Amino acid sequence: MNERPRRLRRCQLAVPGSNERMIRKAAAMDVDHVFLDLEDAVAPTAKVAARGQIVEALNSFDFGDTVRCVRINDLDTHFAYEDIIEVVEGAGKNLDTILVPKVRSASDVLFVDRLLTQIETKKGYRRRIGVEVLIEEAEAVMRVEEIAAASPRLEALIFGMGDYSASQGIDPNAIAGDSGYPGDIWHYARYKIIVAARTFGLDAVDGPFVNFQDGEWYRTECVRAKKLGAVGKWAIHPSQVTIAQSVFSVSQDEVDRAYRAIAAYADAQAKGLGAIQVDGKMVDVATIRLVRHVINQAERIGMKPSEGI
């Protein structure tokens, strides 16, 4: 129960929890992660009914290998605690994670953790439901290290640049493309969140890009996040899924080179050597740490080295 599951999060697809047609379509897609939304995508008057729709969908639809997640409402609202209770009691056996928006401190994570523990105990669930949190408040960025360390149930930190913009007073046009800022306007927040996630063994996921018709800029944002160490990005439209899962994947050539490097280095160590050349590049202990990330990602995807490697 204490070991964090290894889940694919190259793309997290947002789906309104009140839209049965969209949920059914998402369940049939080849996407790593789907979160059924009770927060921003659902009108206040439809939130209570949407819980039941989500429970029915989780219990009825075949999501295949897709991670099944539900985003609850902000913990400062009166919806949040009943979101957790109704969804988890109704469909906990078919739910992988709960996504908590607008987390501001470790105490927010602990509240959700404690409530989930009570429900799991009551229902006799043997599989622990994970928690993912949105870092989308200036206060959360400031406290991201304590949030990341809050609970062994925590699996991922997600950068929500939309609400973060509002929280920090950033031009709202920045989330739709080139902000005019001389560089990546999200660099500091992204970097700090990713460092905290890596430090505590969590997945770091980049947030939404609202202009879903601009696939090239979305790809650019995926690449920027990946370069800093993120494992995936949100998609608010199905057209973004293929782009994200392509950018955050590893190629067969990368996988083969990683396995060759590890095998050659193990052989070199047996001979008392500390650094060697493989494929024209130096390989040492630091290199091995890097290529293990490639192998870990390949294993999550289900990729293996080519025959003869």
C-alpha atoms as a PDB file:
ATOM      1  CA  MET A   1       0.000   0.000   0.000  1.00  0.00           C
ATOM      2  CA  ASN A   2       2.926   2.369   0.578  1.00  0.00           C
ATOM      3  CA  GLU A   3       4.724   2.180  -2.771  1.00  0.00           C
ATOM      4  CA  ARG A   4       3.756   4.821  -5.325  1.00  0.00           C
ATOM      5  CA  PRO A   5       2.370   3.301  -8.533  1.00  0.00           C
ATOM      6  CA  ARG A   6       4.251   4.007 -11.747  1.00  0.00           C
ATOM      7  CA  ARG A   7       1.670   5.592 -14.028  1.00  0.00           C
ATOM      8  CA  LEU A   8       2.008   7.097 -17.485  1.00  0.00           C
ATOM      9  CA  ARG A   9       1.212  10.811 -17.567  1.00  0.00           C
ATOM     10  CA  ARG A  10       2.552  11.921 -20.953  1.00  0.00           C
ATOM     11  CA  CYS A  11      -0.864  13.463 -21.502  1.00  0.00           C
ATOM     12  CA  GLN A  12      -3.669  14.210 -19.067  1.00  0.00           C
ATOM     13  CA  LEU A  13      -6.914  14.812 -20.938  1.00  0.00           C
ATOM     14  CA  ALA A  14      -9.529  17.056 -19.331  1.00  0.00           C
ATOM     15  CA  VAL A  15     -13.140  15.906 -19.747  1.00  0.00           C
ATOM     16  CA  PRO A  16     -16.258  17.603 -18.302  1.00  0.00           C
ATOM     17  CA  GLY A  17     -17.781  15.272 -15.732  1.00  0.00           C
ATOM     18  CA  SER A  18     -21.247  16.403 -16.758  1.00  0.00           C
ATOM     19  CA  ASN A  19     -20.881  15.339 -20.408  1.00  0.00           C
ATOM     20  CA  GLU A  20     -21.559  11.616 -20.864  1.00  0.00           C
ATOM     21  CA  ARG A  21     -20.762  11.730 -24.592  1.00  0.00           C
ATOM     22  CA  MET A  22     -17.316  13.247 -24.028  1.00  0.00           C
ATOM     23  CA  ILE A  23     -16.549  10.811 -21.219  1.00  0.00           C
ATOM     24  CA  ARG A  24     -17.463   7.858 -23.410  1.00  0.00           C
ATOM     25  CA  LYS A  25     -15.262   9.209 -26.215  1.00  0.00           C
ATOM     26  CA  ALA A  26     -12.332   9.765 -23.836  1.00  0.00           C
ATOM     27  CA  ALA A  27     -12.628   6.234 -22.438  1.00  0.00           C
ATOM     28  CA  ALA A  28     -12.120   4.842 -25.928  1.00  0.00           C
ATOM     29  CA  MET A  29      -9.076   7.002 -26.717  1.00  0.00           C
ATOM     30  CA  ASP A  30      -5.470   5.879 -26.552  1.00  0.00           C
ATOM     31  CA  VAL A  31      -4.483   8.413 -23.888  1.00  0.00           C
ATOM     32  CA  ASP A  32      -2.392   7.893 -20.771  1.00  0.00           C
ATOM     33  CA  HIS A  33      -4.597   9.736 -18.302  1.00  0.00           C
ATOM     34  CA  VAL A  34      -8.143  11.120 -18.251  1.00  0.00           C
ATOM     35  CA  PHE A  35      -9.486  13.342 -15.509  1.00  0.00           C
ATOM     36  CA  LEU A  36     -13.224  13.746 -15.229  1.00  0.00           C
ATOM     37  CA  ASP A  37     -13.777  17.310 -14.094  1.00  0.00           C
ATOM     38  CA  LEU A  38     -16.132  18.530 -11.391  1.00  0.00           C
ATOM     39  CA  GLU A  39     -14.524  21.946 -11.126  1.00  0.00           C
ATOM     40  CA  ASP A  40     -14.092  24.547 -13.904  1.00  0.00           C
ATOM     41  CA  ALA A  41     -15.784  22.552 -16.691  1.00  0.00           C
ATOM     42  CA  VAL A  42     -19.037  22.068 -14.769  1.00  0.00           C
ATOM     43  CA  ALA A  43     -21.573  24.787 -13.965  1.00  0.00           C
ATOM     44  CA  PRO A  44     -22.385  25.260 -10.250  1.00  0.00           C
ATOM     45  CA  THR A  45     -25.962  24.098 -10.793  1.00  0.00           C
ATOM     46  CA  ALA A  46     -24.745  20.877 -12.456  1.00  0.00           C
ATOM     47  CA  LYS A  47     -21.993  19.864 -10.029  1.00  0.00           C
ATOM     48  CA  VAL A  48     -24.055  17.637  -7.747  1.00  0.00           C
ATOM     49  CA  ALA A  49     -25.623  15.737 -10.632  1.00  0.00           C
ATOM     50  CA  ALA A  50     -22.221  15.408 -12.325  1.00  0.00           C
ATOM     51  CA  ARG A  51     -20.940  13.347  -9.404  1.00  0.00           C
ATOM     52  CA  GLY A  52     -23.479  10.645 -10.177  1.00  0.00           C
ATOM     53  CA  GLN A  53     -22.641  10.776 -13.885  1.00  0.00           C
ATOM     54  CA  ILE A  54     -18.973  10.283 -13.085  1.00  0.00           C
ATOM     55  CA  VAL A  55     -19.689   7.351 -10.771  1.00  0.00           C
ATOM     56  CA  GLU A  56     -21.812   5.716 -13.465  1.00  0.00           C
ATOM     57  CA  ALA A  57     -19.128   6.278 -16.106  1.00  0.00           C
ATOM     58  CA  LEU A  58     -16.300   4.902 -13.960  1.00  0.00           C
ATOM     59  CA  ASN A  59     -18.328   1.811 -13.138  1.00  0.00           C
ATOM     60  CA  SER A  60     -19.647   1.244 -16.660  1.00  0.00           C
ATOM     61  CA  PHE A  61     -17.078   2.371 -19.254  1.00  0.00           C
ATOM     62  CA  ASP A  62     -13.942   0.444 -20.170  1.00  0.00           C
ATOM     63  CA  PHE A  63     -11.025   2.883 -19.928  1.00  0.00           C
ATOM     64  CA  GLY A  64      -8.470   0.212 -20.780  1.00  0.00           C
ATOM     65  CA  ASP A  65      -5.018   1.114 -19.445  1.00  0.00           C
ATOM     66  CA  THR A  66      -5.875   4.808 -19.090  1.00  0.00           C
ATOM     67  CA  VAL A  67      -5.361   6.312 -15.632  1.00  0.00           C
ATOM     68  CA  ARG A  68      -8.809   7.229 -14.269  1.00  0.00           C
ATOM     69  CA  CYS A  69      -8.869  10.452 -12.295  1.00  0.00           C
ATOM     70  CA  VAL A  70     -11.495  12.877 -10.968  1.00  0.00           C
ATOM     71  CA  ARG A  71     -10.819  16.551 -10.338  1.00  0.00           C
ATOM     72  CA  ILE A  72     -12.822  17.708  -7.346  1.00  0.00           C
ATOM     73  CA  ASN A  73     -13.802  21.282  -6.556  1.00  0.00           C
ATOM     74  CA  ASP A  74     -11.606  23.723  -4.677  1.00  0.00           C
ATOM     75  CA  LEU A  75     -11.304  22.787  -0.991  1.00  0.00           C
ATOM     76  CA  ASP A  76     -12.539  26.269  -0.067  1.00  0.00           C
ATOM     77  CA  THR A  77     -15.916  25.467  -1.640  1.00  0.00           C
ATOM     78  CA  HIS A  78     -18.763  23.545  -0.027  1.00  0.00           C
ATOM     79  CA  PHE A  79     -18.668  21.013  -2.874  1.00  0.00           C
ATOM     80  CA  ALA A  80     -15.250  19.483  -2.230  1.00  0.00           C
ATOM     81  CA  TYR A  81     -15.795  17.076   0.654  1.00  0.00           C
ATOM     82  CA  GLU A  82     -18.961  15.591  -0.863  1.00  0.00           C
ATOM     83  CA  ASP A  83     -17.193  15.321  -4.238  1.00  0.00           C
ATOM     84  CA  ILE A  84     -14.684  13.015  -2.584  1.00  0.00           C
ATOM     85  CA  ILE A  85     -17.204  11.049  -0.526  1.00  0.00           C
ATOM     86  CA  GLU A  86     -19.736  10.439  -3.292  1.00  0.00           C
ATOM     87  CA  VAL A  87     -17.234   9.615  -6.033  1.00  0.00           C
ATOM     88  CA  VAL A  88     -14.932   7.438  -3.937  1.00  0.00           C
ATOM     89  CA  GLU A  89     -17.701   5.567  -2.123  1.00  0.00           C
ATOM     90  CA  GLY A  90     -19.532   5.073  -5.415  1.00  0.00           C
ATOM     91  CA  ALA A  91     -16.662   4.159  -7.724  1.00  0.00           C
ATOM     92  CA  GLY A  92     -13.482   3.861  -5.681  1.00  0.00           C
ATOM     93  CA  LYS A  93     -12.651   0.428  -7.070  1.00  0.00           C
ATOM     94  CA  ASN A  94     -12.535   1.945 -10.562  1.00  0.00           C
ATOM     95  CA  LEU A  95     -10.724   5.152  -9.648  1.00  0.00           C
ATOM     96  CA  ASP A  96      -6.948   5.621  -9.681  1.00  0.00           C
ATOM     97  CA  THR A  97      -6.424   9.182  -8.451  1.00  0.00           C
ATOM     98  CA  ILE A  98      -8.130  12.285  -7.100  1.00  0.00           C
ATOM     99  CA  LEU A  99      -6.967  15.633  -8.502  1.00  0.00           C
ATOM    100  CA  VAL A 100      -7.101  18.509  -6.023  1.00  0.00           C
ATOM    101  CA  PRO A 101      -7.134  22.052  -7.440  1.00  0.00           C
ATOM    102  CA  LYS A 102      -5.825  25.265  -5.872  1.00  0.00           C
ATOM    103  CA  VAL A 103      -3.791  23.553  -3.181  1.00  0.00           C
ATOM    104  CA  ARG A 104      -2.091  26.181  -1.036  1.00  0.00           C
ATOM    105  CA  SER A 105      -0.317  24.208   1.677  1.00  0.00           C
ATOM    106  CA  ALA A 106       0.505  20.740   2.961  1.00  0.00           C
ATOM    107  CA  SER A 107      -2.589  20.813   5.182  1.00  0.00           C
ATOM    108  CA  ASP A 108      -4.786  20.720   2.063  1.00  0.00           C
ATOM    109  CA  VAL A 109      -3.135  17.480   0.965  1.00  0.00           C
ATOM    110  CA  LEU A 110      -3.425  16.010   4.454  1.00  0.00           C
ATOM    111  CA  PHE A 111      -7.157  16.769   4.583  1.00  0.00           C
ATOM    112  CA  VAL A 112      -7.767  14.832   1.363  1.00  0.00           C
ATOM    113  CA  ASP A 113      -5.446  12.031   2.482  1.00  0.00           C
ATOM    114  CA  ARG A 114      -7.280  11.598   5.803  1.00  0.00           C
ATOM    115  CA  LEU A 115     -10.715  11.609   4.182  1.00  0.00           C
ATOM    116  CA  LEU A 116      -9.636   9.058   1.562  1.00  0.00           C
ATOM    117  CA  THR A 117      -8.185   6.823   4.274  1.00  0.00           C
ATOM    118  CA  GLN A 118     -11.482   6.868   6.161  1.00  0.00           C
ATOM    119  CA  ILE A 119     -13.484   6.000   3.052  1.00  0.00           C
ATOM    120  CA  GLU A 120     -11.076   3.241   1.980  1.00  0.00           C
ATOM    121  CA  THR A 121     -11.267   1.724   5.456  1.00  0.00           C
ATOM    122  CA  LYS A 122     -15.052   1.905   5.533  1.00  0.00           C
ATOM    123  CA  LYS A 123     -15.446   0.380   2.058  1.00  0.00           C
ATOM    124  CA  GLY A 124     -12.702  -2.195   2.476  1.00  0.00           C
ATOM    125  CA  TYR A 125     -10.732  -1.022  -0.556  1.00  0.00           C
ATOM    126  CA  ARG A 126      -7.409  -2.821  -0.778  1.00  0.00           C
ATOM    127  CA  ARG A 127      -5.913  -0.525  -3.410  1.00  0.00           C
ATOM    128  CA  ARG A 128      -4.884   2.964  -2.350  1.00  0.00           C
ATOM    129  CA  ILE A 129      -6.279   5.893  -4.350  1.00  0.00           C
ATOM    130  CA  GLY A 130      -3.567   8.366  -5.298  1.00  0.00           C
ATOM    131  CA  VAL A 131      -3.631  12.148  -5.048  1.00  0.00           C
ATOM    132  CA  GLU A 132      -2.503  14.662  -7.650  1.00  0.00           C
ATOM    133  CA  VAL A 133      -2.422  18.377  -6.889  1.00  0.00           C
ATOM    134  CA  LEU A 134      -2.598  21.526  -8.944  1.00  0.00           C
ATOM    135  CA  ILE A 135       0.004  24.140  -8.101  1.00  0.00           C
ATOM    136  CA  GLU A 136      -1.812  27.227  -9.369  1.00  0.00           C
ATOM    137  CA  GLU A 137      -1.584  29.825  -6.624  1.00  0.00           C
ATOM    138  CA  ALA A 138       1.395  32.083  -5.893  1.00  0.00           C
ATOM    139  CA  GLU A 139       1.249  30.825  -2.314  1.00  0.00           C
ATOM    140  CA  ALA A 140       1.486  27.237  -3.544  1.00  0.00           C
ATOM    141  CA  VAL A 141       4.586  27.962  -5.622  1.00  0.00           C
ATOM    142  CA  MET A 142       6.187  29.519  -2.540  1.00  0.00           C
ATOM    143  CA  ARG A 143       5.330  26.404  -0.470  1.00  0.00           C
ATOM    144  CA  VAL A 144       5.721  23.756  -3.132  1.00  0.00           C
ATOM    145  CA  GLU A 145       8.409  21.825  -1.242  1.00  0.00           C
ATOM    146  CA  GLU A 146       6.210  21.294   1.833  1.00  0.00           C
ATOM    147  CA  ILE A 147       3.285  20.362  -0.416  1.00  0.00           C
ATOM    148  CA  ALA A 148       5.401  17.805  -2.279  1.00  0.00           C
ATOM    149  CA  ALA A 149       6.464  16.213   1.014  1.00  0.00           C
ATOM    150  CA  ALA A 150       2.977  16.167   2.540  1.00  0.00           C
ATOM    151  CA  SER A 151       1.829  12.582   1.947  1.00  0.00           C
ATOM    152  CA  PRO A 152       3.000   9.228   0.561  1.00  0.00           C
ATOM    153  CA  ARG A 153      -0.362   9.140  -1.235  1.00  0.00           C
ATOM    154  CA  LEU A 154       0.733  12.091  -3.378  1.00  0.00           C
ATOM    155  CA  GLU A 155       1.760  11.109  -6.919  1.00  0.00           C
ATOM    156  CA  ALA A 156       2.002  14.233  -9.084  1.00  0.00           C
ATOM    157  CA  LEU A 157       2.385  18.007  -9.062  1.00  0.00           C
ATOM    158  CA  ILE A 158       0.678  19.825 -11.935  1.00  0.00           C
ATOM    159  CA  PHE A 159       1.426  23.412 -12.898  1.00  0.00           C
ATOM    160  CA  GLY A 160      -1.841  25.286 -13.481  1.00  0.00           C
ATOM    161  CA  MET A 161      -0.704  28.419 -15.267  1.00  0.00           C
ATOM    162  CA  GLY A 162      -4.208  29.810 -15.789  1.00  0.00           C
ATOM    163  CA  ASP A 163      -5.145  30.416 -12.166  1.00  0.00           C
ATOM    164  CA  TYR A 164      -1.491  31.077 -11.385  1.00  0.00           C
ATOM    165  CA  SER A 165      -1.640  34.015 -13.796  1.00  0.00           C
ATOM    166  CA  ALA A 166      -4.632  35.406 -11.946  1.00  0.00           C
ATOM    167  CA  SER A 167      -2.976  34.810  -8.594  1.00  0.00           C
ATOM    168  CA  GLN A 168       0.207  36.635  -9.574  1.00  0.00           C
ATOM    169  CA  GLY A 169      -1.352  39.314 -11.781  1.00  0.00           C
ATOM    170  CA  ILE A 170       0.150  38.049 -15.056  1.00  0.00           C
ATOM    171  CA  ASP A 171      -1.350  39.154 -18.377  1.00  0.00           C
ATOM    172  CA  PRO A 172      -4.066  36.543 -19.116  1.00  0.00           C
ATOM    173  CA  ASN A 173      -3.068  36.516 -22.803  1.00  0.00           C
ATOM    174  CA  ALA A 174       0.175  34.798 -21.797  1.00  0.00           C
ATOM    175  CA  ILE A 175      -1.528  31.409 -21.482  1.00  0.00           C
ATOM    176  CA  ALA A 176      -2.636  31.430 -25.119  1.00  0.00           C
ATOM    177  CA  GLY A 177       0.741  31.898 -26.790  1.00  0.00           C
ATOM    178  CA  ASP A 178       3.673  34.265 -27.041  1.00  0.00           C
ATOM    179  CA  SER A 179       3.400  36.637 -24.091  1.00  0.00           C
ATOM    180  CA  GLY A 180       5.928  39.166 -25.327  1.00  0.00           C
ATOM    181  CA  TYR A 181       8.085  38.363 -22.308  1.00  0.00           C
ATOM    182  CA  PRO A 182      11.775  38.005 -23.281  1.00  0.00           C
ATOM    183  CA  GLY A 183      11.975  34.290 -22.596  1.00  0.00           C
ATOM    184  CA  ASP A 184       9.652  31.673 -21.125  1.00  0.00           C
ATOM    185  CA  ILE A 185       7.268  33.536 -18.819  1.00  0.00           C
ATOM    186  CA  TRP A 186       6.572  30.309 -16.899  1.00  0.00           C
ATOM    187  CA  HIS A 187      10.197  29.278 -16.424  1.00  0.00           C
ATOM    188  CA  TYR A 188      10.584  30.032 -12.710  1.00  0.00           C
ATOM    189  CA  ALA A 189       7.326  28.415 -11.607  1.00  0.00           C
ATOM    190  CA  ARG A 190       7.786  25.411 -13.888  1.00  0.00           C
ATOM    191  CA  TYR A 191      11.343  24.888 -12.758  1.00  0.00           C
ATOM    192  CA  LYS A 192      10.577  25.166  -9.054  1.00  0.00           C
ATOM    193  CA  ILE A 193       7.615  22.786  -9.293  1.00  0.00           C
ATOM    194  CA  ILE A 194       9.614  20.223 -11.275  1.00  0.00           C
ATOM    195  CA  VAL A 195      12.549  20.384  -8.842  1.00  0.00           C
ATOM    196  CA  ALA A 196      10.180  19.797  -5.904  1.00  0.00           C
ATOM    197  CA  ALA A 197       8.492  16.908  -7.705  1.00  0.00           C
ATOM    198  CA  ARG A 198      11.771  15.199  -8.572  1.00  0.00           C
ATOM    199  CA  THR A 199      13.095  15.699  -5.049  1.00  0.00           C
ATOM    200  CA  PHE A 200      10.174  13.824  -3.518  1.00  0.00           C
ATOM    201  CA  GLY A 201       9.754  11.165  -6.219  1.00  0.00           C
ATOM    202  CA  LEU A 202       6.645  12.662  -7.822  1.00  0.00           C
ATOM    203  CA  ASP A 203       5.638  13.172 -11.439  1.00  0.00           C
ATOM    204  CA  ALA A 204       5.726  16.762 -12.676  1.00  0.00           C
ATOM    205  CA  VAL A 205       3.081  17.604 -15.264  1.00  0.00           C
ATOM    206  CA  ASP A 206       2.713  20.842 -17.217  1.00  0.00           C
ATOM    207  CA  GLY A 207      -0.698  22.470 -17.326  1.00  0.00           C
ATOM    208  CA  PRO A 208      -3.135  23.506 -20.063  1.00  0.00           C
ATOM    209  CA  PHE A 209      -2.624  25.461 -23.263  1.00  0.00           C
ATOM    210  CA  VAL A 210      -5.950  27.089 -24.068  1.00  0.00           C
ATOM    211  CA  ASN A 211      -5.479  27.830 -27.776  1.00  0.00           C
ATOM    212  CA  PHE A 212      -6.039  24.225 -28.858  1.00  0.00           C
ATOM    213  CA  GLN A 213      -6.154  25.236 -32.537  1.00  0.00           C
ATOM    214  CA  ASP A 214      -2.465  26.206 -32.399  1.00  0.00           C
ATOM    215  CA  GLY A 215      -0.838  22.791 -32.384  1.00  0.00           C
ATOM    216  CA  GLU A 216       2.652  24.090 -33.091  1.00  0.00           C
ATOM    217  CA  TRP A 217       2.720  26.424 -30.116  1.00  0.00           C
ATOM    218  CA  TYR A 218       1.299  23.652 -27.954  1.00  0.00           C
ATOM    219  CA  ARG A 219       4.173  21.452 -29.118  1.00  0.00           C
ATOM    220  CA  THR A 220       6.615  24.227 -28.211  1.00  0.00           C
ATOM    221  CA  GLU A 221       5.166  24.373 -24.700  1.00  0.00           C
ATOM    222  CA  CYS A 222       5.443  20.574 -24.399  1.00  0.00           C
ATOM    223  CA  VAL A 223       9.093  20.699 -25.437  1.00  0.00           C
ATOM    224  CA  ARG A 224       9.864  23.481 -22.949  1.00  0.00           C
ATOM    225  CA  ALA A 225       8.331  21.507 -20.105  1.00  0.00           C
ATOM    226  CA  LYS A 226      10.080  18.284 -21.115  1.00  0.00           C
ATOM    227  CA  LYS A 227      13.466  20.009 -21.279  1.00  0.00           C
ATOM    228  CA  LEU A 228      13.054  20.976 -17.616  1.00  0.00           C
ATOM    229  CA  GLY A 229      12.111  17.447 -16.558  1.00  0.00           C
ATOM    230  CA  ALA A 230       8.307  17.298 -16.734  1.00  0.00           C
ATOM    231  CA  VAL A 231       6.834  13.923 -17.695  1.00  0.00           C
ATOM    232  CA  GLY A 232       3.732  15.210 -19.505  1.00  0.00           C
ATOM    233  CA  LYS A 233       1.243  17.967 -20.215  1.00  0.00           C
ATOM    234  CA  TRP A 234      -2.480  18.575 -19.997  1.00  0.00           C
ATOM    235  CA  ALA A 235      -4.735  18.443 -23.024  1.00  0.00           C
ATOM    236  CA  ILE A 236      -7.992  20.371 -23.059  1.00  0.00           C
ATOM    237  CA  HIS A 237      -8.932  19.026 -26.498  1.00  0.00           C
ATOM    238  CA  PRO A 238      -8.463  15.576 -28.085  1.00  0.00           C
ATOM    239  CA  SER A 239      -6.366  17.149 -30.873  1.00  0.00           C
ATOM    240  CA  GLN A 240      -3.615  17.853 -28.328  1.00  0.00           C
ATOM    241  CA  VAL A 241      -3.284  14.251 -27.113  1.00  0.00           C
ATOM    242  CA  THR A 242      -1.131  12.894 -29.926  1.00  0.00           C
ATOM    243  CA  ILE A 243       1.207  15.889 -29.756  1.00  0.00           C
ATOM    244  CA  ALA A 244       1.818  15.567 -26.011  1.00  0.00           C
ATOM    245  CA  GLN A 245       2.259  11.798 -26.046  1.00  0.00           C
ATOM    246  CA  SER A 246       4.701  12.087 -28.933  1.00  0.00           C
ATOM    247  CA  VAL A 247       6.842  14.796 -27.329  1.00  0.00           C
ATOM    248  CA  PHE A 248       6.990  13.066 -23.937  1.00  0.00           C
ATOM    249  CA  SER A 249       7.840   9.654 -25.392  1.00  0.00           C
ATOM    250  CA  VAL A 250      11.281   8.198 -25.997  1.00  0.00           C
ATOM    251  CA  SER A 251      12.367   6.873 -29.381  1.00  0.00           C
ATOM    252  CA  GLN A 252      13.500   3.314 -30.057  1.00  0.00           C
ATOM    253  CA  ASP A 253      16.963   4.667 -30.858  1.00  0.00           C
ATOM    254  CA  GLU A 254      17.143   6.409 -27.453  1.00  0.00           C
ATOM    255  CA  VAL A 255      16.081   3.209 -25.718  1.00  0.00           C
ATOM    256  CA  ASP A 256      18.652   1.094 -27.562  1.00  0.00           C
ATOM    257  CA  ARG A 257      21.460   3.569 -26.827  1.00  0.00           C
ATOM    258  CA  ALA A 258      20.477   3.615 -23.149  1.00  0.00           C
ATOM    259  CA  TYR A 259      20.650  -0.167 -22.866  1.00  0.00           C
ATOM    260  CA  ARG A 260      23.973  -0.284 -24.741  1.00  0.00           C
ATOM    261  CA  ALA A 261      25.417   2.336 -22.398  1.00  0.00           C
ATOM    262  CA  ILE A 262      24.348   0.476 -19.260  1.00  0.00           C
ATOM    263  CA  ALA A 263      25.656  -2.859 -20.517  1.00  0.00           C
ATOM    264  CA  ALA A 264      28.980  -1.373 -21.606  1.00  0.00           C
ATOM    265  CA  TYR A 265      29.418   0.511 -18.344  1.00  0.00           C
ATOM    266  CA  ALA A 266      28.711  -2.597 -16.275  1.00  0.00           C
ATOM    267  CA  ASP A 267      31.364  -4.420 -18.284  1.00  0.00           C
ATOM    268  CA  ALA A 268      33.801  -1.530 -17.790  1.00  0.00           C
ATOM    269  CA  GLN A 269      33.218  -1.522 -14.027  1.00  0.00           C
ATOM    270  CA  ALA A 270      34.019  -5.216 -13.896  1.00  0.00           C
ATOM    271  CA  LYS A 271      37.352  -4.357 -15.524  1.00  0.00           C
ATOM    272  CA  GLY A 272      38.039  -1.542 -13.079  1.00  0.00           C
ATOM    273  CA  LEU A 273      37.315   1.307 -15.506  1.00  0.00           C
ATOM    274  CA  GLY A 274      35.452   4.458 -14.458  1.00  0.00           C
ATOM    275  CA  ALA A 275      34.587   6.018 -17.813  1.00  0.00           C
ATOM    276  CA  ILE A 276      34.303   4.632 -21.340  1.00  0.00           C
ATOM    277  CA  GLN A 277      33.128   5.598 -24.814  1.00  0.00           C
ATOM    278  CA  VAL A 278      29.852   4.259 -26.210  1.00  0.00           C
ATOM    279  CA  ASP A 279      28.515   5.334 -29.611  1.00  0.00           C
ATOM    280  CA  GLY A 280      31.182   8.040 -29.717  1.00  0.00           C
ATOM    281  CA  LYS A 281      30.213   9.599 -26.371  1.00  0.00           C
ATOM    282  CA  MET A 282      31.713   9.400 -22.911  1.00  0.00           C
ATOM    283  CA  VAL A 283      29.774   7.283 -20.445  1.00  0.00           C
ATOM    284  CA  ASP A 284      30.387   7.546 -16.705  1.00  0.00           C
ATOM    285  CA  VAL A 285      28.307   7.204 -13.542  1.00  0.00           C
ATOM    286  CA  ALA A 286      26.509  10.522 -14.196  1.00  0.00           C
ATOM    287  CA  THR A 287      25.601   9.388 -17.705  1.00  0.00           C
ATOM    288  CA  ILE A 288      24.138   6.180 -16.328  1.00  0.00           C
ATOM    289  CA  ARG A 289      21.838   8.170 -14.037  1.00  0.00           C
ATOM    290  CA  LEU A 290      20.563  10.052 -17.096  1.00  0.00           C
ATOM    291  CA  VAL A 291      19.987   7.014 -19.289  1.00  0.00           C
ATOM    292  CA  ARG A 292      18.116   5.230 -16.509  1.00  0.00           C
ATOM    293  CA  HIS A 293      15.429   7.897 -16.889  1.00  0.00           C
ATOM    294  CA  VAL A 294      15.100   6.839 -20.536  1.00  0.00           C
ATOM    295  CA  ILE A 295      14.768   3.196 -19.539  1.00  0.00           C
ATOM    296  CA  ASN A 296      12.241   4.003 -16.809  1.00  0.00           C
ATOM    297  CA  GLN A 297      10.108   5.893 -19.313  1.00  0.00           C
ATOM    298  CA  ALA A 298      10.425   3.085 -21.860  1.00  0.00           C
ATOM    299  CA  GLU A 299       9.301   0.551 -19.255  1.00  0.00           C
ATOM    300  CA  ARG A 300       6.240   2.638 -18.414  1.00  0.00           C
ATOM    301  CA  ILE A 301       5.313   2.832 -22.091  1.00  0.00           C
ATOM    302  CA  GLY A 302       6.033  -0.873 -22.598  1.00  0.00           C
ATOM    303  CA  MET A 303       9.020  -0.397 -24.924  1.00  0.00           C
ATOM    304  CA  LYS A 304      11.872  -2.901 -24.967  1.00  0.00           C
ATOM    305  CA  PRO A 305      15.340  -2.781 -26.525  1.00  0.00           C
ATOM    306  CA  SER A 306      15.645  -3.985 -30.094  1.00  0.00           C
ATOM    307  CA  GLU A 307      16.578  -7.616 -30.628  1.00  0.00           C
ATOM    308  CA  GLY A 308      20.287  -8.179 -30.101  1.00  0.00           C
ATOM    309  CA  ILE A 309      20.800  -5.165 -27.794  1.00  0.00           C
END
